[in-house]
Amino acid sequence: MLSWALTFLIIAIIAGVLGFGGIAGTASGIAQILFLIFLVLFVVSLLFGRRGPPV
């Protein structure tokens, strides 16, 4: 998921440099949403992923 966020960020940067403002805005919005989803899933996996050894 983080790789998709970076991909959309790069697309947004390239589109912004080339003057495609609408595409750049959309791509940066998608990148922000994907990054926030990644952060939430990362924190959840840190909290619930580590369990003790089975008894």
PDB file of N, CA and C in Angstrom:
ATOM      1  N   MET A   1       0.823  -1.189   0.000  1.00  0.00           N
ATOM      2  CA  MET A   1       0.000   0.000   0.000  1.00  0.00           C
ATOM      3  C   MET A   1       0.865   1.250   0.000  1.00  0.00           C
ATOM      4  N   LEU A   2       1.961   1.165   0.705  1.00  0.00           N
ATOM      5  CA  LEU A   2       2.861   2.318   0.734  1.00  0.00           C
ATOM      6  C   LEU A   2       3.464   2.562  -0.642  1.00  0.00           C
ATOM      7  N   SER A   3       3.716   1.503  -1.383  1.00  0.00           N
ATOM      8  CA  SER A   3       4.276   1.678  -2.725  1.00  0.00           C
ATOM      9  C   SER A   3       3.269   2.366  -3.653  1.00  0.00           C
ATOM     10  N   TRP A   4       1.968   2.059  -3.483  1.00  0.00           N
ATOM     11  CA  TRP A   4       0.946   2.736  -4.283  1.00  0.00           C
ATOM     12  C   TRP A   4       0.877   4.214  -3.934  1.00  0.00           C
ATOM     13  N   ALA A   5       1.016   4.529  -2.647  1.00  0.00           N
ATOM     14  CA  ALA A   5       0.990   5.931  -2.237  1.00  0.00           C
ATOM     15  C   ALA A   5       2.169   6.684  -2.841  1.00  0.00           C
ATOM     16  N   LEU A   6       3.342   6.062  -2.836  1.00  0.00           N
ATOM     17  CA  LEU A   6       4.519   6.700  -3.439  1.00  0.00           C
ATOM     18  C   LEU A   6       4.355   6.851  -4.945  1.00  0.00           C
ATOM     19  N   THR A   7       3.731   5.859  -5.591  1.00  0.00           N
ATOM     20  CA  THR A   7       3.494   5.941  -7.032  1.00  0.00           C
ATOM     21  C   THR A   7       2.584   7.120  -7.366  1.00  0.00           C
ATOM     22  N   PHE A   8       1.499   7.271  -6.622  1.00  0.00           N
ATOM     23  CA  PHE A   8       0.594   8.390  -6.874  1.00  0.00           C
ATOM     24  C   PHE A   8       1.252   9.720  -6.539  1.00  0.00           C
ATOM     25  N   LEU A   9       2.127   9.738  -5.541  1.00  0.00           N
ATOM     26  CA  LEU A   9       2.857  10.967  -5.215  1.00  0.00           C
ATOM     27  C   LEU A   9       3.775  11.367  -6.366  1.00  0.00           C
ATOM     28  N   ILE A  10       4.461  10.409  -6.950  1.00  0.00           N
ATOM     29  CA  ILE A  10       5.349  10.701  -8.079  1.00  0.00           C
ATOM     30  C   ILE A  10       4.537  11.163  -9.291  1.00  0.00           C
ATOM     31  N   ILE A  11       3.386  10.516  -9.520  1.00  0.00           N
ATOM     32  CA  ILE A  11       2.512  10.952 -10.614  1.00  0.00           C
ATOM     33  C   ILE A  11       2.055  12.389 -10.387  1.00  0.00           C
ATOM     34  N   ALA A  12       1.713  12.719  -9.136  1.00  0.00           N
ATOM     35  CA  ALA A  12       1.264  14.075  -8.824  1.00  0.00           C
ATOM     36  C   ALA A  12       2.375  15.090  -9.056  1.00  0.00           C
ATOM     37  N   ILE A  13       3.584  14.757  -8.673  1.00  0.00           N
ATOM     38  CA  ILE A  13       4.714  15.678  -8.865  1.00  0.00           C
ATOM     39  C   ILE A  13       4.981  15.902 -10.342  1.00  0.00           C
ATOM     40  N   ILE A  14       5.000  14.818 -11.119  1.00  0.00           N
ATOM     41  CA  ILE A  14       5.267  14.938 -12.561  1.00  0.00           C
ATOM     42  C   ILE A  14       4.144  15.718 -13.242  1.00  0.00           C
ATOM     43  N   ALA A  15       2.895  15.420 -12.877  1.00  0.00           N
ATOM     44  CA  ALA A  15       1.772  16.131 -13.484  1.00  0.00           C
ATOM     45  C   ALA A  15       1.796  17.610 -13.102  1.00  0.00           C
ATOM     46  N   GLY A  16       2.192  17.913 -11.878  1.00  0.00           N
ATOM     47  CA  GLY A  16       2.286  19.305 -11.460  1.00  0.00           C
ATOM     48  C   GLY A  16       3.352  20.070 -12.208  1.00  0.00           C
ATOM     49  N   VAL A  17       4.490  19.421 -12.442  1.00  0.00           N
ATOM     50  CA  VAL A  17       5.573  20.060 -13.185  1.00  0.00           C
ATOM     51  C   VAL A  17       5.163  20.307 -14.629  1.00  0.00           C
ATOM     52  N   LEU A  18       4.401  19.381 -15.208  1.00  0.00           N
ATOM     53  CA  LEU A  18       3.983  19.516 -16.603  1.00  0.00           C
ATOM     54  C   LEU A  18       2.761  20.423 -16.771  1.00  0.00           C
ATOM     55  N   GLY A  19       2.163  20.850 -15.658  1.00  0.00           N
ATOM     56  CA  GLY A  19       1.061  21.796 -15.748  1.00  0.00           C
ATOM     57  C   GLY A  19      -0.319  21.188 -15.716  1.00  0.00           C
ATOM     58  N   PHE A  20      -0.442  19.927 -15.409  1.00  0.00           N
ATOM     59  CA  PHE A  20      -1.748  19.278 -15.318  1.00  0.00           C
ATOM     60  C   PHE A  20      -2.231  19.364 -13.875  1.00  0.00           C
ATOM     61  N   GLY A  21      -2.850  20.481 -13.528  1.00  0.00           N
ATOM     62  CA  GLY A  21      -3.227  20.740 -12.140  1.00  0.00           C
ATOM     63  C   GLY A  21      -4.301  19.817 -11.613  1.00  0.00           C
ATOM     64  N   GLY A  22      -5.290  19.508 -12.442  1.00  0.00           N
ATOM     65  CA  GLY A  22      -6.371  18.632 -11.988  1.00  0.00           C
ATOM     66  C   GLY A  22      -5.897  17.229 -11.699  1.00  0.00           C
ATOM     67  N   ILE A  23      -5.081  16.703 -12.591  1.00  0.00           N
ATOM     68  CA  ILE A  23      -4.547  15.360 -12.395  1.00  0.00           C
ATOM     69  C   ILE A  23      -3.614  15.339 -11.195  1.00  0.00           C
ATOM     70  N   ALA A  24      -2.815  16.388 -11.028  1.00  0.00           N
ATOM     71  CA  ALA A  24      -1.890  16.458  -9.901  1.00  0.00           C
ATOM     72  C   ALA A  24      -2.653  16.511  -8.583  1.00  0.00           C
ATOM     73  N   GLY A  25      -3.727  17.276  -8.533  1.00  0.00           N
ATOM     74  CA  GLY A  25      -4.519  17.364  -7.314  1.00  0.00           C
ATOM     75  C   GLY A  25      -5.187  16.056  -6.956  1.00  0.00           C
ATOM     76  N   THR A  26      -5.737  15.401  -7.968  1.00  0.00           N
ATOM     77  CA  THR A  26      -6.387  14.111  -7.741  1.00  0.00           C
ATOM     78  C   THR A  26      -5.385  13.064  -7.279  1.00  0.00           C
ATOM     79  N   ALA A  27      -4.242  13.008  -7.947  1.00  0.00           N
ATOM     80  CA  ALA A  27      -3.226  12.018  -7.580  1.00  0.00           C
ATOM     81  C   ALA A  27      -2.680  12.275  -6.185  1.00  0.00           C
ATOM     82  N   SER A  28      -2.512  13.535  -5.807  1.00  0.00           N
ATOM     83  CA  SER A  28      -2.001  13.807  -4.465  1.00  0.00           C
ATOM     84  C   SER A  28      -3.059  13.478  -3.413  1.00  0.00           C
ATOM     85  N   GLY A  29      -4.329  13.690  -3.716  1.00  0.00           N
ATOM     86  CA  GLY A  29      -5.395  13.301  -2.794  1.00  0.00           C
ATOM     87  C   GLY A  29      -5.442  11.798  -2.584  1.00  0.00           C
ATOM     88  N   ILE A  30      -5.313  11.047  -3.675  1.00  0.00           N
ATOM     89  CA  ILE A  30      -5.294   9.586  -3.572  1.00  0.00           C
ATOM     90  C   ILE A  30      -4.085   9.134  -2.772  1.00  0.00           C
ATOM     91  N   ALA A  31      -2.930   9.757  -2.993  1.00  0.00           N
ATOM     92  CA  ALA A  31      -1.719   9.396  -2.252  1.00  0.00           C
ATOM     93  C   ALA A  31      -1.893   9.663  -0.757  1.00  0.00           C
ATOM     94  N   GLN A  32      -2.532  10.768  -0.406  1.00  0.00           N
ATOM     95  CA  GLN A  32      -2.752  11.072   1.014  1.00  0.00           C
ATOM     96  C   GLN A  32      -3.680  10.054   1.660  1.00  0.00           C
ATOM     97  N   ILE A  33      -4.750   9.688   0.963  1.00  0.00           N
ATOM     98  CA  ILE A  33      -5.688   8.705   1.510  1.00  0.00           C
ATOM     99  C   ILE A  33      -5.012   7.361   1.699  1.00  0.00           C
ATOM    100  N   LEU A  34      -4.249   6.919   0.697  1.00  0.00           N
ATOM    101  CA  LEU A  34      -3.560   5.635   0.803  1.00  0.00           C
ATOM    102  C   LEU A  34      -2.536   5.646   1.934  1.00  0.00           C
ATOM    103  N   PHE A  35      -1.843   6.770   2.129  1.00  0.00           N
ATOM    104  CA  PHE A  35      -0.860   6.858   3.199  1.00  0.00           C
ATOM    105  C   PHE A  35      -1.541   6.799   4.564  1.00  0.00           C
ATOM    106  N   LEU A  36      -2.689   7.456   4.713  1.00  0.00           N
ATOM    107  CA  LEU A  36      -3.406   7.395   5.983  1.00  0.00           C
ATOM    108  C   LEU A  36      -3.916   5.981   6.270  1.00  0.00           C
ATOM    109  N   ILE A  37      -4.410   5.298   5.246  1.00  0.00           N
ATOM    110  CA  ILE A  37      -4.841   3.907   5.427  1.00  0.00           C
ATOM    111  C   ILE A  37      -3.660   3.046   5.835  1.00  0.00           C
ATOM    112  N   PHE A  38      -2.492   3.275   5.208  1.00  0.00           N
ATOM    113  CA  PHE A  38      -1.286   2.533   5.562  1.00  0.00           C
ATOM    114  C   PHE A  38      -0.919   2.767   7.021  1.00  0.00           C
ATOM    115  N   LEU A  39      -0.967   4.027   7.472  1.00  0.00           N
ATOM    116  CA  LEU A  39      -0.614   4.326   8.860  1.00  0.00           C
ATOM    117  C   LEU A  39      -1.564   3.652   9.838  1.00  0.00           C
ATOM    118  N   VAL A  40      -2.864   3.680   9.548  1.00  0.00           N
ATOM    119  CA  VAL A  40      -3.839   3.048  10.433  1.00  0.00           C
ATOM    120  C   VAL A  40      -3.593   1.545  10.509  1.00  0.00           C
ATOM    121  N   LEU A  41      -3.405   0.911   9.363  1.00  0.00           N
ATOM    122  CA  LEU A  41      -3.154  -0.536   9.359  1.00  0.00           C
ATOM    123  C   LEU A  41      -1.842  -0.883  10.043  1.00  0.00           C
ATOM    124  N   PHE A  42      -0.836  -0.028   9.911  1.00  0.00           N
ATOM    125  CA  PHE A  42       0.452  -0.263  10.557  1.00  0.00           C
ATOM    126  C   PHE A  42       0.310  -0.208  12.076  1.00  0.00           C
ATOM    127  N   VAL A  43      -0.397   0.789  12.575  1.00  0.00           N
ATOM    128  CA  VAL A  43      -0.590   0.909  14.025  1.00  0.00           C
ATOM    129  C   VAL A  43      -1.414  -0.255  14.555  1.00  0.00           C
ATOM    130  N   VAL A  44      -2.460  -0.647  13.832  1.00  0.00           N
ATOM    131  CA  VAL A  44      -3.277  -1.780  14.261  1.00  0.00           C
ATOM    132  C   VAL A  44      -2.442  -3.056  14.289  1.00  0.00           C
ATOM    133  N   SER A  45      -1.604  -3.257  13.297  1.00  0.00           N
ATOM    134  CA  SER A  45      -0.773  -4.465  13.281  1.00  0.00           C
ATOM    135  C   SER A  45       0.275  -4.437  14.387  1.00  0.00           C
ATOM    136  N   LEU A  46       0.759  -3.250  14.755  1.00  0.00           N
ATOM    137  CA  LEU A  46       1.687  -3.168  15.882  1.00  0.00           C
ATOM    138  C   LEU A  46       1.003  -3.508  17.194  1.00  0.00           C
ATOM    139  N   LEU A  47      -0.231  -3.056  17.353  1.00  0.00           N
ATOM    140  CA  LEU A  47      -0.941  -3.284  18.607  1.00  0.00           C
ATOM    141  C   LEU A  47      -1.420  -4.724  18.755  1.00  0.00           C
ATOM    142  N   PHE A  48      -1.934  -5.304  17.689  1.00  0.00           N
ATOM    143  CA  PHE A  48      -2.543  -6.621  17.786  1.00  0.00           C
ATOM    144  C   PHE A  48      -1.719  -7.738  17.152  1.00  0.00           C
ATOM    145  N   GLY A  49      -0.640  -7.405  16.493  1.00  0.00           N
ATOM    146  CA  GLY A  49       0.142  -8.421  15.798  1.00  0.00           C
ATOM    147  C   GLY A  49       1.059  -9.224  16.709  1.00  0.00           C
ATOM    148  N   ARG A  50       1.521  -8.598  17.782  1.00  0.00           N
ATOM    149  CA  ARG A  50       2.454  -9.279  18.683  1.00  0.00           C
ATOM    150  C   ARG A  50       1.670  -9.978  19.792  1.00  0.00           C
ATOM    151  N   ARG A  51       1.677 -11.258  19.750  1.00  0.00           N
ATOM    152  CA  ARG A  51       0.997 -12.036  20.797  1.00  0.00           C
ATOM    153  C   ARG A  51       2.040 -12.923  21.460  1.00  0.00           C
ATOM    154  N   GLY A  52       1.724 -13.346  22.642  1.00  0.00           N
ATOM    155  CA  GLY A  52       2.646 -14.222  23.370  1.00  0.00           C
ATOM    156  C   GLY A  52       2.710 -15.595  22.722  1.00  0.00           C
ATOM    157  N   PRO A  53       3.656 -16.406  23.168  1.00  0.00           N
ATOM    158  CA  PRO A  53       3.765 -17.765  22.603  1.00  0.00           C
ATOM    159  C   PRO A  53       2.553 -18.603  22.991  1.00  0.00           C
ATOM    160  N   PRO A  54       2.153 -19.526  22.131  1.00  0.00           N
ATOM    161  CA  PRO A  54       0.991 -20.361  22.456  1.00  0.00           C
ATOM    162  C   PRO A  54       1.289 -21.260  23.650  1.00  0.00           C
ATOM    163  N   VAL A  55       0.285 -21.492  24.457  1.00  0.00           N
ATOM    164  CA  VAL A  55       0.471 -22.288  25.684  1.00  0.00           C
ATOM    165  C   VAL A  55       0.088 -23.716  25.419  1.00  0.00           C
TER     166      VAL A  55
END
